[in-house]
Amino acid sequence: MHSGRILRVAALVGLGVVFPFLLLVIGSLSGAFQAKHDLHVFLPDRQGLRPGSAVKMDGIPIGSVESIKLVSDSTDQGRRVDIALATDKQFRGIIRKDSTASVLSDGLLGPSFLSVQRGTSPPLEAGAEIRVVPVQQATLTGLIKAISQAAKCPCSNGSPSRRGP
């Protein structure tokens, strides 16, 4: 009876040591404990971004989308959605006042991400806004439409032309 109580106490102490260690390891691997530098971009809509979407510079992940909020009092069509970014502090010196951002996707069907282009002016302060430069990307719908238009016959009556003897 006494040994059962010792065993329970030993198990509880063991969990008390192992659990915090596991939290620390998992948190450091996921970047949960890294210092963040908060920035914002404003878009007309979320353009496929969601919390957790990657923020990249030169193809390298430098952070993620932290939150997406509607701007209730915006009269500017291009500033209806506030995208809050959490970028790793180690990259704060290379995101500059004249840096720009664009929403891109990994291929035709890949997830959307925010691509930040380098600038040359002084670094942005925490909470500042990165100016957005819209980019026209190829989409699956656009590709199908282009193929459909290319397949149409240039004949005036719409029927396929025949070549032959």
C-alpha atoms as a PDB file:
ATOM      1  CA  MET A   1       0.000   0.000   0.000  1.00  0.00           C
ATOM      2  CA  HIS A   2       2.857   2.386   0.830  1.00  0.00           C
ATOM      3  CA  SER A   3       4.792   1.456  -2.352  1.00  0.00           C
ATOM      4  CA  GLY A   4       1.713   2.285  -4.511  1.00  0.00           C
ATOM      5  CA  ARG A   5       1.655   5.803  -3.115  1.00  0.00           C
ATOM      6  CA  ILE A   6       5.406   6.230  -3.791  1.00  0.00           C
ATOM      7  CA  LEU A   7       4.902   4.999  -7.339  1.00  0.00           C
ATOM      8  CA  ARG A   8       2.116   7.553  -7.952  1.00  0.00           C
ATOM      9  CA  VAL A   9       4.213  10.391  -6.530  1.00  0.00           C
ATOM     10  CA  ALA A  10       7.207   9.331  -8.659  1.00  0.00           C
ATOM     11  CA  ALA A  11       5.008   9.248 -11.781  1.00  0.00           C
ATOM     12  CA  LEU A  12       3.608  12.703 -11.007  1.00  0.00           C
ATOM     13  CA  VAL A  13       7.093  14.139 -10.454  1.00  0.00           C
ATOM     14  CA  GLY A  14       8.289  12.476 -13.678  1.00  0.00           C
ATOM     15  CA  LEU A  15       5.424  14.040 -15.651  1.00  0.00           C
ATOM     16  CA  GLY A  16       6.177  17.376 -14.001  1.00  0.00           C
ATOM     17  CA  VAL A  17       9.713  17.207 -15.407  1.00  0.00           C
ATOM     18  CA  VAL A  18       8.992  15.640 -18.826  1.00  0.00           C
ATOM     19  CA  PHE A  19       5.915  17.736 -19.772  1.00  0.00           C
ATOM     20  CA  PRO A  20       7.602  21.172 -19.522  1.00  0.00           C
ATOM     21  CA  PHE A  21      10.614  19.799 -21.407  1.00  0.00           C
ATOM     22  CA  LEU A  22       8.359  18.544 -24.229  1.00  0.00           C
ATOM     23  CA  LEU A  23       6.567  21.909 -24.361  1.00  0.00           C
ATOM     24  CA  LEU A  24       9.886  23.690 -24.658  1.00  0.00           C
ATOM     25  CA  VAL A  25      11.138  21.403 -27.442  1.00  0.00           C
ATOM     26  CA  ILE A  26       7.893  21.537 -29.435  1.00  0.00           C
ATOM     27  CA  GLY A  27       7.553  25.288 -28.956  1.00  0.00           C
ATOM     28  CA  SER A  28      11.094  26.007 -30.110  1.00  0.00           C
ATOM     29  CA  LEU A  29      10.707  23.769 -33.167  1.00  0.00           C
ATOM     30  CA  SER A  30       7.477  25.507 -34.178  1.00  0.00           C
ATOM     31  CA  GLY A  31       8.888  29.002 -33.581  1.00  0.00           C
ATOM     32  CA  ALA A  32       6.320  29.749 -30.874  1.00  0.00           C
ATOM     33  CA  PHE A  33       8.951  31.232 -28.578  1.00  0.00           C
ATOM     34  CA  GLN A  34      10.756  33.323 -31.202  1.00  0.00           C
ATOM     35  CA  ALA A  35      10.553  37.080 -30.903  1.00  0.00           C
ATOM     36  CA  LYS A  36       8.228  38.576 -33.516  1.00  0.00           C
ATOM     37  CA  HIS A  37       8.125  41.907 -35.335  1.00  0.00           C
ATOM     38  CA  ASP A  38       4.528  42.943 -36.122  1.00  0.00           C
ATOM     39  CA  LEU A  39       3.743  44.615 -39.458  1.00  0.00           C
ATOM     40  CA  HIS A  40       0.584  45.230 -41.503  1.00  0.00           C
ATOM     41  CA  VAL A  41      -0.578  45.156 -45.107  1.00  0.00           C
ATOM     42  CA  PHE A  42      -3.969  46.340 -46.377  1.00  0.00           C
ATOM     43  CA  LEU A  43      -5.781  44.595 -49.236  1.00  0.00           C
ATOM     44  CA  PRO A  44      -9.157  44.867 -50.991  1.00  0.00           C
ATOM     45  CA  ASP A  45      -9.920  41.264 -49.884  1.00  0.00           C
ATOM     46  CA  ARG A  46      -7.994  38.458 -48.234  1.00  0.00           C
ATOM     47  CA  GLN A  47      -6.869  37.056 -51.618  1.00  0.00           C
ATOM     48  CA  GLY A  48      -6.565  33.498 -50.350  1.00  0.00           C
ATOM     49  CA  LEU A  49      -4.476  34.408 -47.305  1.00  0.00           C
ATOM     50  CA  ARG A  50      -5.427  32.995 -43.909  1.00  0.00           C
ATOM     51  CA  PRO A  51      -3.897  33.060 -40.441  1.00  0.00           C
ATOM     52  CA  GLY A  52      -0.755  30.970 -40.639  1.00  0.00           C
ATOM     53  CA  SER A  53      -0.076  31.712 -44.329  1.00  0.00           C
ATOM     54  CA  ALA A  54       3.622  32.169 -45.029  1.00  0.00           C
ATOM     55  CA  VAL A  55       5.370  35.517 -45.397  1.00  0.00           C
ATOM     56  CA  LYS A  56       8.442  35.091 -47.613  1.00  0.00           C
ATOM     57  CA  MET A  57      11.339  37.186 -48.857  1.00  0.00           C
ATOM     58  CA  ASP A  58      13.420  35.852 -51.733  1.00  0.00           C
ATOM     59  CA  GLY A  59      11.553  32.543 -51.321  1.00  0.00           C
ATOM     60  CA  ILE A  60      12.625  32.171 -47.683  1.00  0.00           C
ATOM     61  CA  PRO A  61       9.985  32.106 -44.921  1.00  0.00           C
ATOM     62  CA  ILE A  62      10.410  35.127 -42.655  1.00  0.00           C
ATOM     63  CA  GLY A  63       7.118  34.981 -40.761  1.00  0.00           C
ATOM     64  CA  SER A  64       3.420  34.296 -41.074  1.00  0.00           C
ATOM     65  CA  VAL A  65       0.019  35.940 -41.256  1.00  0.00           C
ATOM     66  CA  GLU A  66      -1.095  36.434 -37.671  1.00  0.00           C
ATOM     67  CA  SER A  67      -4.643  37.733 -38.165  1.00  0.00           C
ATOM     68  CA  ILE A  68      -7.058  39.060 -40.769  1.00  0.00           C
ATOM     69  CA  LYS A  69      -9.597  41.757 -39.911  1.00  0.00           C
ATOM     70  CA  LEU A  70     -12.149  43.783 -41.822  1.00  0.00           C
ATOM     71  CA  VAL A  71     -11.505  47.518 -41.706  1.00  0.00           C
ATOM     72  CA  SER A  72     -14.945  48.843 -40.800  1.00  0.00           C
ATOM     73  CA  ASP A  73     -14.463  52.506 -41.646  1.00  0.00           C
ATOM     74  CA  SER A  74     -12.415  52.214 -44.851  1.00  0.00           C
ATOM     75  CA  THR A  75     -13.589  54.290 -47.806  1.00  0.00           C
ATOM     76  CA  ASP A  76     -10.629  53.131 -49.907  1.00  0.00           C
ATOM     77  CA  GLN A  77     -11.525  50.022 -51.967  1.00  0.00           C
ATOM     78  CA  GLY A  78      -7.928  48.794 -51.733  1.00  0.00           C
ATOM     79  CA  ARG A  79      -7.790  48.961 -47.913  1.00  0.00           C
ATOM     80  CA  ARG A  80     -10.782  46.892 -46.800  1.00  0.00           C
ATOM     81  CA  VAL A  81      -8.852  44.078 -45.084  1.00  0.00           C
ATOM     82  CA  ASP A  82      -6.050  44.483 -42.520  1.00  0.00           C
ATOM     83  CA  ILE A  83      -3.568  41.612 -42.614  1.00  0.00           C
ATOM     84  CA  ALA A  84      -1.396  41.520 -39.476  1.00  0.00           C
ATOM     85  CA  LEU A  85       1.994  39.878 -39.988  1.00  0.00           C
ATOM     86  CA  ALA A  86       4.299  38.348 -37.409  1.00  0.00           C
ATOM     87  CA  THR A  87       7.800  38.344 -38.880  1.00  0.00           C
ATOM     88  CA  ASP A  88      10.814  36.928 -37.091  1.00  0.00           C
ATOM     89  CA  LYS A  89      12.783  39.715 -35.407  1.00  0.00           C
ATOM     90  CA  GLN A  90      15.997  38.512 -37.016  1.00  0.00           C
ATOM     91  CA  PHE A  91      14.621  39.796 -40.344  1.00  0.00           C
ATOM     92  CA  ARG A  92      13.379  43.192 -39.149  1.00  0.00           C
ATOM     93  CA  GLY A  93      16.455  45.013 -40.448  1.00  0.00           C
ATOM     94  CA  ILE A  94      15.848  43.903 -44.044  1.00  0.00           C
ATOM     95  CA  ILE A  95      12.173  44.892 -44.233  1.00  0.00           C
ATOM     96  CA  ARG A  96      12.482  48.554 -45.087  1.00  0.00           C
ATOM     97  CA  LYS A  97      10.216  51.574 -45.482  1.00  0.00           C
ATOM     98  CA  ASP A  98      10.252  51.215 -49.283  1.00  0.00           C
ATOM     99  CA  SER A  99       9.795  47.423 -49.236  1.00  0.00           C
ATOM    100  CA  THR A 100       6.672  46.210 -51.008  1.00  0.00           C
ATOM    101  CA  ALA A 101       4.483  43.133 -50.657  1.00  0.00           C
ATOM    102  CA  SER A 102       2.466  41.060 -53.123  1.00  0.00           C
ATOM    103  CA  VAL A 103       0.124  38.115 -52.687  1.00  0.00           C
ATOM    104  CA  LEU A 104       1.387  35.122 -54.681  1.00  0.00           C
ATOM    105  CA  SER A 105       0.646  31.420 -54.757  1.00  0.00           C
ATOM    106  CA  ASP A 106       2.773  28.317 -55.073  1.00  0.00           C
ATOM    107  CA  GLY A 107       1.771  27.245 -58.591  1.00  0.00           C
ATOM    108  CA  LEU A 108      -1.755  27.200 -60.011  1.00  0.00           C
ATOM    109  CA  LEU A 109      -3.274  25.261 -57.119  1.00  0.00           C
ATOM    110  CA  GLY A 110      -0.838  26.030 -54.293  1.00  0.00           C
ATOM    111  CA  PRO A 111      -1.548  28.031 -51.167  1.00  0.00           C
ATOM    112  CA  SER A 112      -1.352  31.830 -51.180  1.00  0.00           C
ATOM    113  CA  PHE A 113       1.505  33.565 -49.406  1.00  0.00           C
ATOM    114  CA  LEU A 114       2.730  37.118 -48.970  1.00  0.00           C
ATOM    115  CA  SER A 115       5.966  37.894 -50.791  1.00  0.00           C
ATOM    116  CA  VAL A 116       7.958  40.858 -49.455  1.00  0.00           C
ATOM    117  CA  GLN A 117      10.384  42.570 -51.827  1.00  0.00           C
ATOM    118  CA  ARG A 118      13.490  44.210 -50.413  1.00  0.00           C
ATOM    119  CA  GLY A 119      13.865  47.952 -50.131  1.00  0.00           C
ATOM    120  CA  THR A 120      16.834  50.267 -49.659  1.00  0.00           C
ATOM    121  CA  SER A 121      15.583  52.835 -47.129  1.00  0.00           C
ATOM    122  CA  PRO A 122      15.780  52.551 -43.298  1.00  0.00           C
ATOM    123  CA  PRO A 123      14.050  49.547 -41.637  1.00  0.00           C
ATOM    124  CA  LEU A 124      10.346  49.622 -40.764  1.00  0.00           C
ATOM    125  CA  GLU A 125       9.335  50.083 -37.148  1.00  0.00           C
ATOM    126  CA  ALA A 126       7.082  47.537 -35.428  1.00  0.00           C
ATOM    127  CA  GLY A 127       3.413  48.067 -36.303  1.00  0.00           C
ATOM    128  CA  ALA A 128       4.217  49.841 -39.593  1.00  0.00           C
ATOM    129  CA  GLU A 129       2.585  49.135 -42.952  1.00  0.00           C
ATOM    130  CA  ILE A 130       4.196  47.470 -45.954  1.00  0.00           C
ATOM    131  CA  ARG A 131       2.899  48.941 -49.227  1.00  0.00           C
ATOM    132  CA  VAL A 132       1.142  46.381 -51.450  1.00  0.00           C
ATOM    133  CA  VAL A 133       1.866  46.077 -55.167  1.00  0.00           C
ATOM    134  CA  PRO A 134      -0.887  44.104 -56.936  1.00  0.00           C
ATOM    135  CA  VAL A 135       0.318  41.250 -59.141  1.00  0.00           C
ATOM    136  CA  GLN A 136      -1.695  39.592 -61.902  1.00  0.00           C
ATOM    137  CA  GLN A 137      -1.079  35.858 -61.587  1.00  0.00           C
ATOM    138  CA  ALA A 138      -2.024  32.963 -63.789  1.00  0.00           C
ATOM    139  CA  THR A 139      -5.021  31.134 -62.367  1.00  0.00           C
ATOM    140  CA  LEU A 140      -6.580  27.834 -63.321  1.00  0.00           C
ATOM    141  CA  THR A 141      -9.719  29.662 -64.495  1.00  0.00           C
ATOM    142  CA  GLY A 142      -7.629  32.045 -66.595  1.00  0.00           C
ATOM    143  CA  LEU A 143      -5.674  29.146 -68.094  1.00  0.00           C
ATOM    144  CA  ILE A 144      -8.870  27.297 -69.058  1.00  0.00           C
ATOM    145  CA  LYS A 145     -10.281  30.482 -70.578  1.00  0.00           C
ATOM    146  CA  ALA A 146      -7.106  31.070 -72.617  1.00  0.00           C
ATOM    147  CA  ILE A 147      -7.117  27.480 -73.900  1.00  0.00           C
ATOM    148  CA  SER A 148     -10.795  27.767 -74.751  1.00  0.00           C
ATOM    149  CA  GLN A 149     -10.223  30.980 -76.728  1.00  0.00           C
ATOM    150  CA  ALA A 150      -7.211  29.507 -78.511  1.00  0.00           C
ATOM    151  CA  ALA A 151      -9.242  26.462 -79.512  1.00  0.00           C
ATOM    152  CA  LYS A 152     -11.965  28.563 -81.148  1.00  0.00           C
ATOM    153  CA  CYS A 153     -11.931  28.559 -84.893  1.00  0.00           C
ATOM    154  CA  PRO A 154     -10.996  31.849 -86.595  1.00  0.00           C
ATOM    155  CA  CYS A 155     -13.647  31.122 -89.262  1.00  0.00           C
ATOM    156  CA  SER A 156     -16.502  33.602 -89.585  1.00  0.00           C
ATOM    157  CA  ASN A 157     -19.285  30.980 -89.353  1.00  0.00           C
ATOM    158  CA  GLY A 158     -17.820  29.232 -86.312  1.00  0.00           C
ATOM    159  CA  SER A 159     -17.438  25.852 -88.007  1.00  0.00           C
ATOM    160  CA  PRO A 160     -14.061  24.240 -88.296  1.00  0.00           C
ATOM    161  CA  SER A 161     -12.263  24.849 -91.554  1.00  0.00           C
ATOM    162  CA  ARG A 162     -11.342  21.870 -93.631  1.00  0.00           C
ATOM    163  CA  ARG A 163      -8.314  21.513 -95.676  1.00  0.00           C
ATOM    164  CA  GLY A 164      -8.094  18.936 -98.246  1.00  0.00           C
ATOM    165  CA  PRO A 165      -8.027  18.101-101.906  1.00  0.00           C
END
